[in-house]
N, C-alpha and C. Protein backbone atom coordinates (compact mmCIF):
# COMPACT_ATOMS: atom_id res chain seq x y z
N MET A 1 -14.71 1.30 11.15
CA MET A 1 -15.12 0.26 10.27
C MET A 1 -15.57 -0.95 11.08
N SER A 2 -15.02 -1.22 12.17
CA SER A 2 -15.50 -2.21 13.13
C SER A 2 -16.00 -3.50 12.51
N GLY A 3 -15.30 -4.03 11.53
CA GLY A 3 -15.70 -5.28 10.93
C GLY A 3 -16.81 -5.16 9.91
N HIS A 4 -17.33 -3.98 9.71
CA HIS A 4 -18.38 -3.77 8.73
C HIS A 4 -17.81 -3.08 7.50
N LEU A 5 -18.40 -3.35 6.37
CA LEU A 5 -18.00 -2.65 5.16
C LEU A 5 -18.58 -1.24 5.18
N ALA A 6 -17.81 -0.30 4.69
CA ALA A 6 -18.28 1.08 4.61
C ALA A 6 -19.24 1.21 3.43
N ALA A 7 -20.27 1.99 3.60
CA ALA A 7 -21.22 2.24 2.52
C ALA A 7 -20.51 2.99 1.39
N PRO A 8 -20.88 2.73 0.13
CA PRO A 8 -20.19 3.37 -1.00
C PRO A 8 -20.12 4.89 -0.89
N ASN A 9 -21.14 5.54 -0.36
CA ASN A 9 -21.12 7.00 -0.25
C ASN A 9 -20.31 7.48 0.95
N SER A 10 -19.66 6.56 1.66
CA SER A 10 -18.80 6.92 2.79
C SER A 10 -17.39 7.28 2.34
N TYR A 11 -17.06 7.04 1.07
CA TYR A 11 -15.73 7.29 0.55
C TYR A 11 -15.68 8.65 -0.14
N ALA A 12 -14.65 9.42 0.17
CA ALA A 12 -14.46 10.72 -0.48
C ALA A 12 -13.08 10.74 -1.13
N SER A 13 -13.02 11.08 -2.39
CA SER A 13 -11.75 11.15 -3.09
C SER A 13 -10.92 12.31 -2.55
N ILE A 14 -9.70 12.02 -2.15
CA ILE A 14 -8.79 13.06 -1.64
C ILE A 14 -7.77 13.44 -2.72
N ALA A 15 -7.15 12.42 -3.35
CA ALA A 15 -6.12 12.71 -4.35
C ALA A 15 -5.89 11.48 -5.21
N THR A 16 -5.34 11.71 -6.40
CA THR A 16 -4.92 10.63 -7.28
C THR A 16 -3.50 10.91 -7.76
N ALA A 17 -2.83 9.85 -8.20
CA ALA A 17 -1.47 9.99 -8.74
C ALA A 17 -1.26 8.93 -9.81
N THR A 18 -0.39 9.24 -10.75
CA THR A 18 -0.06 8.34 -11.84
C THR A 18 1.44 8.18 -11.92
N GLY A 19 1.90 6.96 -12.20
CA GLY A 19 3.33 6.73 -12.37
C GLY A 19 3.88 7.56 -13.52
N THR A 20 5.14 7.93 -13.43
CA THR A 20 5.75 8.78 -14.45
C THR A 20 6.63 7.99 -15.42
N GLY A 21 6.97 6.76 -15.06
CA GLY A 21 7.91 6.00 -15.86
C GLY A 21 9.36 6.31 -15.52
N SER A 22 9.58 7.35 -14.72
CA SER A 22 10.95 7.72 -14.35
C SER A 22 11.15 7.88 -12.84
N SER A 23 10.11 7.61 -12.06
CA SER A 23 10.22 7.73 -10.60
C SER A 23 9.54 6.54 -9.93
N GLY A 24 10.12 6.10 -8.85
CA GLY A 24 9.54 5.02 -8.06
C GLY A 24 8.91 5.53 -6.78
N VAL A 25 8.50 6.81 -6.76
CA VAL A 25 7.95 7.41 -5.55
C VAL A 25 6.60 8.07 -5.87
N ILE A 26 5.60 7.74 -5.05
CA ILE A 26 4.29 8.41 -5.08
C ILE A 26 4.08 8.98 -3.69
N THR A 27 3.76 10.26 -3.59
CA THR A 27 3.54 10.90 -2.29
C THR A 27 2.17 11.56 -2.26
N PHE A 28 1.44 11.28 -1.20
CA PHE A 28 0.20 11.99 -0.90
C PHE A 28 0.49 12.86 0.31
N SER A 29 0.37 14.18 0.16
CA SER A 29 0.69 15.09 1.26
C SER A 29 -0.51 15.97 1.57
N SER A 30 -0.41 16.70 2.66
CA SER A 30 -1.48 17.59 3.13
C SER A 30 -2.81 16.84 3.26
N ILE A 31 -2.74 15.63 3.81
CA ILE A 31 -3.94 14.82 3.99
C ILE A 31 -4.77 15.44 5.12
N PRO A 32 -6.03 15.78 4.85
CA PRO A 32 -6.86 16.38 5.90
C PRO A 32 -7.15 15.36 7.01
N SER A 33 -7.37 15.84 8.21
CA SER A 33 -7.62 14.96 9.36
C SER A 33 -9.11 14.80 9.64
N THR A 34 -9.94 15.00 8.63
CA THR A 34 -11.39 15.04 8.83
C THR A 34 -12.11 13.71 8.60
N TYR A 35 -11.36 12.63 8.35
CA TYR A 35 -11.98 11.33 8.10
C TYR A 35 -11.64 10.37 9.24
N THR A 36 -12.31 9.25 9.29
CA THR A 36 -12.03 8.24 10.30
C THR A 36 -10.86 7.35 9.86
N HIS A 37 -10.89 6.92 8.59
CA HIS A 37 -9.86 6.04 8.04
C HIS A 37 -9.48 6.55 6.66
N LEU A 38 -8.38 6.02 6.13
CA LEU A 38 -7.97 6.29 4.75
C LEU A 38 -7.91 4.97 3.99
N GLN A 39 -8.03 5.07 2.67
CA GLN A 39 -7.83 3.90 1.82
C GLN A 39 -7.09 4.32 0.56
N ILE A 40 -6.07 3.55 0.20
CA ILE A 40 -5.36 3.74 -1.07
C ILE A 40 -5.71 2.54 -1.94
N ARG A 41 -6.15 2.83 -3.14
CA ARG A 41 -6.39 1.78 -4.13
C ARG A 41 -5.38 2.00 -5.25
N SER A 42 -4.70 0.93 -5.64
CA SER A 42 -3.72 1.09 -6.70
C SER A 42 -3.74 -0.11 -7.64
N ILE A 43 -3.34 0.17 -8.85
CA ILE A 43 -3.05 -0.87 -9.82
C ILE A 43 -1.74 -0.43 -10.45
N GLY A 44 -0.73 -1.30 -10.35
CA GLY A 44 0.59 -0.84 -10.76
C GLY A 44 1.48 -1.89 -11.35
N ARG A 45 2.54 -1.37 -11.94
CA ARG A 45 3.59 -2.19 -12.54
C ARG A 45 4.90 -1.41 -12.41
N GLY A 46 5.95 -2.12 -12.09
CA GLY A 46 7.26 -1.50 -11.98
C GLY A 46 8.13 -1.82 -13.18
N THR A 47 9.16 -1.01 -13.38
CA THR A 47 10.06 -1.20 -14.53
C THR A 47 11.24 -2.11 -14.18
N SER A 48 11.31 -2.59 -12.95
CA SER A 48 12.44 -3.40 -12.51
C SER A 48 11.93 -4.72 -11.94
N GLY A 49 12.83 -5.60 -11.56
CA GLY A 49 12.46 -6.87 -10.98
C GLY A 49 11.99 -6.79 -9.55
N SER A 50 12.34 -5.72 -8.83
CA SER A 50 11.91 -5.57 -7.44
C SER A 50 10.51 -4.99 -7.40
N THR A 51 9.62 -5.64 -6.66
CA THR A 51 8.23 -5.23 -6.72
C THR A 51 7.66 -4.73 -5.40
N SER A 52 8.42 -4.71 -4.34
CA SER A 52 7.86 -4.28 -3.06
C SER A 52 7.63 -2.78 -3.05
N ILE A 53 6.56 -2.39 -2.37
CA ILE A 53 6.26 -0.98 -2.16
C ILE A 53 6.41 -0.71 -0.67
N ARG A 54 7.29 0.20 -0.33
CA ARG A 54 7.53 0.58 1.07
C ARG A 54 6.73 1.84 1.37
N ILE A 55 5.91 1.77 2.40
CA ILE A 55 5.14 2.93 2.83
C ILE A 55 5.85 3.57 4.01
N THR A 56 6.07 4.87 3.91
CA THR A 56 6.56 5.64 5.04
C THR A 56 5.54 6.74 5.33
N VAL A 57 5.51 7.15 6.57
CA VAL A 57 4.51 8.09 7.05
C VAL A 57 5.19 9.36 7.56
N ASN A 58 4.69 10.50 7.14
CA ASN A 58 5.18 11.79 7.63
C ASN A 58 6.71 11.90 7.55
N SER A 59 7.30 11.33 6.50
CA SER A 59 8.75 11.34 6.27
C SER A 59 9.55 10.65 7.36
N ASP A 60 8.91 9.80 8.17
CA ASP A 60 9.58 9.07 9.24
C ASP A 60 10.28 7.84 8.66
N THR A 61 11.61 7.83 8.69
CA THR A 61 12.37 6.68 8.22
C THR A 61 13.14 6.03 9.37
N GLY A 62 12.66 6.27 10.60
CA GLY A 62 13.23 5.58 11.76
C GLY A 62 12.74 4.14 11.80
N SER A 63 13.28 3.35 12.69
CA SER A 63 12.92 1.92 12.79
C SER A 63 11.61 1.76 13.56
N ASN A 64 10.54 2.35 13.03
CA ASN A 64 9.25 2.42 13.73
C ASN A 64 8.14 1.64 13.04
N TYR A 65 8.49 0.72 12.15
CA TYR A 65 7.50 0.01 11.36
C TYR A 65 7.63 -1.51 11.56
N ALA A 66 6.51 -2.19 11.41
CA ALA A 66 6.48 -3.66 11.47
C ALA A 66 5.43 -4.16 10.50
N ARG A 67 5.53 -5.47 10.15
CA ARG A 67 4.53 -6.06 9.26
C ARG A 67 4.40 -7.56 9.53
N HIS A 68 3.24 -8.09 9.18
CA HIS A 68 2.96 -9.52 9.17
C HIS A 68 2.32 -9.82 7.82
N TYR A 69 2.65 -10.95 7.22
CA TYR A 69 2.07 -11.25 5.92
C TYR A 69 1.90 -12.75 5.72
N MET A 70 0.98 -13.06 4.81
CA MET A 70 0.77 -14.42 4.32
C MET A 70 0.71 -14.31 2.80
N TYR A 71 1.02 -15.38 2.11
CA TYR A 71 0.89 -15.35 0.65
C TYR A 71 0.61 -16.75 0.13
N GLY A 72 0.05 -16.78 -1.06
CA GLY A 72 -0.19 -18.04 -1.72
C GLY A 72 -0.27 -17.83 -3.21
N ASP A 73 0.18 -18.85 -3.97
CA ASP A 73 0.12 -18.73 -5.42
C ASP A 73 -0.54 -19.94 -6.08
N GLY A 74 -1.25 -20.73 -5.29
CA GLY A 74 -1.91 -21.91 -5.81
C GLY A 74 -1.05 -23.16 -5.68
N ALA A 75 0.25 -23.00 -5.55
CA ALA A 75 1.16 -24.14 -5.40
C ALA A 75 1.90 -24.10 -4.07
N THR A 76 2.23 -22.91 -3.62
CA THR A 76 2.95 -22.75 -2.36
C THR A 76 2.27 -21.67 -1.52
N ALA A 77 2.54 -21.74 -0.25
CA ALA A 77 2.02 -20.73 0.67
C ALA A 77 3.10 -20.43 1.70
N GLY A 78 3.01 -19.28 2.30
CA GLY A 78 4.00 -18.93 3.30
C GLY A 78 3.52 -17.76 4.14
N ALA A 79 4.30 -17.43 5.12
CA ALA A 79 3.98 -16.32 6.02
C ALA A 79 5.29 -15.80 6.61
N GLY A 80 5.24 -14.59 7.12
CA GLY A 80 6.43 -14.03 7.74
C GLY A 80 6.12 -12.73 8.46
N ASN A 81 7.13 -12.17 9.05
CA ASN A 81 6.99 -10.90 9.74
C ASN A 81 8.33 -10.19 9.77
N SER A 82 8.28 -8.91 10.06
CA SER A 82 9.50 -8.13 10.28
C SER A 82 9.16 -7.00 11.24
N THR A 83 10.11 -6.64 12.07
CA THR A 83 9.92 -5.57 13.04
C THR A 83 11.08 -4.60 12.94
N SER A 84 10.95 -3.47 13.59
CA SER A 84 12.00 -2.44 13.63
C SER A 84 12.51 -2.09 12.25
N GLN A 85 11.59 -1.88 11.31
CA GLN A 85 11.91 -1.55 9.93
C GLN A 85 11.85 -0.03 9.73
N THR A 86 12.51 0.47 8.68
CA THR A 86 12.51 1.90 8.39
C THR A 86 11.39 2.30 7.44
N GLY A 87 10.49 1.39 7.19
CA GLY A 87 9.30 1.60 6.38
C GLY A 87 8.54 0.30 6.36
N ALA A 88 7.28 0.34 6.00
CA ALA A 88 6.45 -0.86 5.98
C ALA A 88 6.36 -1.39 4.55
N ASP A 89 7.05 -2.48 4.27
CA ASP A 89 6.98 -3.13 2.95
C ASP A 89 5.71 -3.97 2.91
N ILE A 90 4.59 -3.34 2.58
CA ILE A 90 3.31 -4.03 2.72
C ILE A 90 2.51 -4.14 1.44
N ALA A 91 2.99 -3.60 0.35
CA ALA A 91 2.25 -3.68 -0.91
C ALA A 91 3.22 -4.04 -2.03
N TYR A 92 2.68 -4.36 -3.20
CA TYR A 92 3.51 -4.85 -4.30
C TYR A 92 2.99 -4.36 -5.65
N THR A 93 3.86 -4.43 -6.65
CA THR A 93 3.46 -4.25 -8.04
C THR A 93 4.02 -5.41 -8.84
N SER A 94 3.42 -5.67 -9.98
CA SER A 94 4.06 -6.63 -10.89
C SER A 94 5.27 -5.92 -11.49
N SER A 95 6.12 -6.70 -12.15
CA SER A 95 7.37 -6.11 -12.61
C SER A 95 7.67 -6.50 -14.04
N SER A 96 8.76 -5.99 -14.53
CA SER A 96 9.20 -6.28 -15.89
C SER A 96 9.52 -7.75 -16.09
N THR A 97 9.71 -8.49 -15.00
CA THR A 97 10.00 -9.92 -15.12
C THR A 97 8.73 -10.75 -15.21
N ASP A 98 7.56 -10.17 -14.92
CA ASP A 98 6.28 -10.86 -15.08
C ASP A 98 5.87 -10.78 -16.55
N LEU A 99 4.84 -11.52 -16.92
CA LEU A 99 4.34 -11.42 -18.29
C LEU A 99 3.97 -9.98 -18.61
N SER A 100 4.08 -9.60 -19.86
CA SER A 100 3.77 -8.23 -20.25
C SER A 100 2.30 -7.92 -19.98
N ASN A 101 2.05 -6.68 -19.70
CA ASN A 101 0.70 -6.17 -19.46
C ASN A 101 -0.01 -6.80 -18.28
N THR A 102 0.74 -7.19 -17.26
CA THR A 102 0.11 -7.63 -16.01
C THR A 102 0.34 -6.56 -14.96
N TYR A 103 -0.67 -6.35 -14.15
CA TYR A 103 -0.62 -5.31 -13.12
C TYR A 103 -1.10 -5.90 -11.80
N THR A 104 -0.56 -5.40 -10.72
CA THR A 104 -0.96 -5.84 -9.39
C THR A 104 -1.93 -4.84 -8.80
N ALA A 105 -2.98 -5.36 -8.17
CA ALA A 105 -3.96 -4.51 -7.49
C ALA A 105 -3.67 -4.53 -5.99
N ASN A 106 -3.78 -3.37 -5.36
CA ASN A 106 -3.61 -3.23 -3.91
C ASN A 106 -4.77 -2.44 -3.34
N ILE A 107 -5.26 -2.87 -2.20
CA ILE A 107 -6.18 -2.07 -1.39
C ILE A 107 -5.53 -1.94 -0.02
N ILE A 108 -5.21 -0.70 0.35
CA ILE A 108 -4.49 -0.42 1.58
C ILE A 108 -5.40 0.42 2.48
N ASP A 109 -5.82 -0.14 3.60
CA ASP A 109 -6.61 0.61 4.58
C ASP A 109 -5.68 1.11 5.66
N ILE A 110 -5.80 2.39 6.00
CA ILE A 110 -5.02 3.00 7.08
C ILE A 110 -6.03 3.38 8.15
N LEU A 111 -6.03 2.62 9.23
CA LEU A 111 -7.07 2.75 10.24
C LEU A 111 -6.75 3.83 11.26
N ASP A 112 -7.77 4.61 11.61
CA ASP A 112 -7.65 5.64 12.66
C ASP A 112 -6.45 6.54 12.47
N TYR A 113 -6.21 6.97 11.23
CA TYR A 113 -5.00 7.70 10.85
C TYR A 113 -4.82 9.03 11.57
N ALA A 114 -5.91 9.64 12.03
CA ALA A 114 -5.81 10.95 12.68
C ALA A 114 -5.90 10.85 14.20
N ASN A 115 -6.09 9.66 14.73
CA ASN A 115 -6.21 9.45 16.16
C ASN A 115 -4.83 9.58 16.81
N THR A 116 -4.70 10.50 17.76
CA THR A 116 -3.41 10.75 18.40
C THR A 116 -3.25 9.96 19.71
N SER A 117 -4.10 8.96 19.92
CA SER A 117 -4.01 8.12 21.12
C SER A 117 -3.55 6.70 20.83
N LYS A 118 -3.29 6.38 19.56
CA LYS A 118 -2.91 5.00 19.25
C LYS A 118 -1.95 4.95 18.07
N TYR A 119 -1.22 3.83 17.98
CA TYR A 119 -0.36 3.57 16.83
C TYR A 119 -1.23 3.37 15.59
N LYS A 120 -0.66 3.56 14.42
CA LYS A 120 -1.41 3.46 13.16
C LYS A 120 -1.24 2.07 12.54
N THR A 121 -2.36 1.49 12.11
CA THR A 121 -2.38 0.15 11.55
C THR A 121 -2.75 0.20 10.08
N PHE A 122 -2.05 -0.62 9.28
CA PHE A 122 -2.34 -0.78 7.85
C PHE A 122 -2.91 -2.18 7.64
N ARG A 123 -3.92 -2.27 6.79
CA ARG A 123 -4.49 -3.56 6.40
C ARG A 123 -4.47 -3.60 4.88
N VAL A 124 -3.80 -4.60 4.30
CA VAL A 124 -3.55 -4.58 2.86
C VAL A 124 -3.97 -5.91 2.23
N LEU A 125 -4.55 -5.81 1.05
CA LEU A 125 -4.81 -6.98 0.22
C LEU A 125 -4.18 -6.73 -1.14
N THR A 126 -3.28 -7.62 -1.54
CA THR A 126 -2.56 -7.51 -2.80
C THR A 126 -2.87 -8.74 -3.64
N GLY A 127 -3.04 -8.55 -4.93
CA GLY A 127 -3.27 -9.70 -5.80
C GLY A 127 -2.82 -9.45 -7.22
N LEU A 128 -2.47 -10.54 -7.90
CA LEU A 128 -2.00 -10.49 -9.28
C LEU A 128 -2.41 -11.76 -9.99
N ASP A 129 -2.96 -11.62 -11.18
CA ASP A 129 -3.20 -12.77 -12.06
C ASP A 129 -2.29 -12.60 -13.27
N VAL A 130 -1.47 -13.60 -13.54
CA VAL A 130 -0.53 -13.51 -14.65
C VAL A 130 -1.17 -14.15 -15.88
N ASN A 131 -2.21 -13.50 -16.36
CA ASN A 131 -2.91 -13.92 -17.57
C ASN A 131 -3.28 -15.40 -17.57
N GLY A 132 -3.76 -15.90 -16.44
CA GLY A 132 -4.21 -17.28 -16.34
C GLY A 132 -3.11 -18.31 -16.14
N SER A 133 -1.83 -17.90 -16.18
CA SER A 133 -0.74 -18.87 -16.00
C SER A 133 -0.12 -18.79 -14.62
N GLY A 134 -0.80 -18.19 -13.71
CA GLY A 134 -0.29 -18.09 -12.34
C GLY A 134 -0.76 -16.79 -11.71
N GLY A 135 -0.29 -16.56 -10.54
CA GLY A 135 -0.64 -15.35 -9.82
C GLY A 135 -0.43 -15.57 -8.34
N TYR A 136 -0.81 -14.58 -7.55
CA TYR A 136 -0.71 -14.73 -6.11
C TYR A 136 -1.67 -13.78 -5.42
N ILE A 137 -1.87 -14.05 -4.15
CA ILE A 137 -2.63 -13.16 -3.28
C ILE A 137 -1.85 -13.04 -1.99
N GLN A 138 -1.87 -11.85 -1.42
CA GLN A 138 -1.13 -11.64 -0.19
C GLN A 138 -1.86 -10.67 0.73
N PRO A 139 -2.45 -11.16 1.81
CA PRO A 139 -2.96 -10.25 2.85
C PRO A 139 -1.81 -9.87 3.79
N THR A 140 -1.72 -8.61 4.13
CA THR A 140 -0.63 -8.10 4.95
C THR A 140 -1.18 -7.11 5.97
N SER A 141 -0.56 -7.06 7.13
CA SER A 141 -0.86 -5.99 8.09
C SER A 141 0.44 -5.29 8.41
N GLY A 142 0.32 -4.00 8.68
CA GLY A 142 1.50 -3.21 9.02
C GLY A 142 1.21 -2.31 10.20
N LEU A 143 2.26 -1.81 10.79
CA LEU A 143 2.14 -0.95 11.96
C LEU A 143 3.16 0.17 11.87
N TRP A 144 2.70 1.39 12.10
CA TRP A 144 3.60 2.52 12.30
C TRP A 144 3.50 2.87 13.77
N GLN A 145 4.59 2.73 14.50
CA GLN A 145 4.58 2.91 15.94
C GLN A 145 4.74 4.37 16.32
N SER A 146 3.66 5.11 16.07
CA SER A 146 3.61 6.52 16.43
C SER A 146 2.16 6.91 16.67
N THR A 147 1.94 7.81 17.60
CA THR A 147 0.59 8.32 17.84
C THR A 147 0.33 9.62 17.09
N THR A 148 1.29 10.07 16.31
CA THR A 148 1.14 11.29 15.51
C THR A 148 0.11 11.06 14.40
N ALA A 149 -0.73 12.05 14.15
CA ALA A 149 -1.70 11.96 13.06
C ALA A 149 -0.95 11.90 11.73
N ILE A 150 -1.49 11.15 10.78
CA ILE A 150 -0.85 11.01 9.47
C ILE A 150 -1.28 12.17 8.57
N SER A 151 -0.29 12.86 8.01
CA SER A 151 -0.57 13.94 7.06
C SER A 151 0.09 13.70 5.70
N THR A 152 1.08 12.78 5.66
CA THR A 152 1.78 12.45 4.42
C THR A 152 2.03 10.96 4.34
N LEU A 153 1.75 10.37 3.17
CA LEU A 153 2.04 8.96 2.90
C LEU A 153 2.91 8.88 1.66
N THR A 154 4.02 8.16 1.75
CA THR A 154 4.91 7.99 0.61
C THR A 154 5.01 6.51 0.29
N LEU A 155 4.82 6.17 -0.99
CA LEU A 155 4.88 4.79 -1.47
C LEU A 155 6.09 4.68 -2.40
N THR A 156 7.15 4.03 -1.92
CA THR A 156 8.40 3.96 -2.66
C THR A 156 8.63 2.54 -3.17
N LEU A 157 8.84 2.42 -4.46
CA LEU A 157 9.10 1.13 -5.09
C LEU A 157 10.50 0.66 -4.71
N GLY A 158 10.66 -0.65 -4.48
CA GLY A 158 11.95 -1.21 -4.06
C GLY A 158 13.08 -0.90 -5.03
N ALA A 159 12.78 -0.89 -6.31
CA ALA A 159 13.77 -0.54 -7.34
C ALA A 159 13.00 -0.16 -8.60
N GLY A 160 13.61 0.62 -9.44
CA GLY A 160 12.97 1.00 -10.69
C GLY A 160 11.92 2.08 -10.49
N SER A 161 11.04 2.18 -11.47
CA SER A 161 10.03 3.24 -11.50
C SER A 161 8.64 2.64 -11.69
N TYR A 162 7.63 3.42 -11.32
CA TYR A 162 6.26 3.05 -11.64
C TYR A 162 6.02 3.37 -13.11
N THR A 163 5.42 2.45 -13.86
CA THR A 163 5.11 2.71 -15.26
C THR A 163 4.05 3.81 -15.36
N THR A 164 3.92 4.39 -16.52
CA THR A 164 2.96 5.47 -16.73
C THR A 164 1.52 4.99 -16.64
N ALA A 165 1.29 3.69 -16.69
CA ALA A 165 -0.06 3.14 -16.55
C ALA A 165 -0.42 2.85 -15.10
N SER A 166 0.52 3.02 -14.16
CA SER A 166 0.26 2.77 -12.74
C SER A 166 -0.61 3.89 -12.18
N GLN A 167 -1.66 3.50 -11.47
CA GLN A 167 -2.62 4.47 -10.94
C GLN A 167 -2.77 4.29 -9.43
N PHE A 168 -2.88 5.40 -8.71
CA PHE A 168 -3.06 5.41 -7.26
C PHE A 168 -4.17 6.38 -6.90
N ALA A 169 -5.05 6.00 -5.98
CA ALA A 169 -6.12 6.88 -5.54
C ALA A 169 -6.22 6.82 -4.02
N LEU A 170 -6.26 7.97 -3.38
CA LEU A 170 -6.40 8.08 -1.93
C LEU A 170 -7.81 8.53 -1.61
N TYR A 171 -8.46 7.79 -0.70
CA TYR A 171 -9.82 8.10 -0.29
C TYR A 171 -9.86 8.30 1.22
N GLY A 172 -10.74 9.18 1.66
CA GLY A 172 -11.07 9.31 3.06
C GLY A 172 -12.35 8.54 3.32
N ILE A 173 -12.41 7.83 4.44
CA ILE A 173 -13.62 7.09 4.81
C ILE A 173 -14.24 7.79 6.00
N LYS A 174 -15.49 8.18 5.84
CA LYS A 174 -16.18 8.94 6.88
C LYS A 174 -16.53 8.07 8.06
């Protein structure tokens, strides 16, 4: 991607998933290694107050993840980081404590996911508008400290379940 946007015909749909209302886990498995990058697009809502989405790769729950983030809601701003984590908390959903019928959008880029010579980097943009009465935006970066090619991605909600209206799509970028 090298700082350039990918052409629309560069994206190939690999898989989609929908929340069940009874599970807080979405897994994309058997990801082919034939693309340069991956992208997950989601719009979601959780059934609980916890809204973080933890990404784990290839079932690795060792302390091999890190993240950096910034956020703003129009009134406050902040930033932070974490290292040696057992998953990358890099995406979010709106929750039952937000106004009804609000959903959070996420675009998660997984760069060079099949390259076995470098660690894997995540680039995420998260945003939510609470029906004109507030909202936030959060750019985040994450790192999985492994040179293993990615074949499975699991997105686990911090608590509760993904609602049945939550949608996830995995794309390969040529």
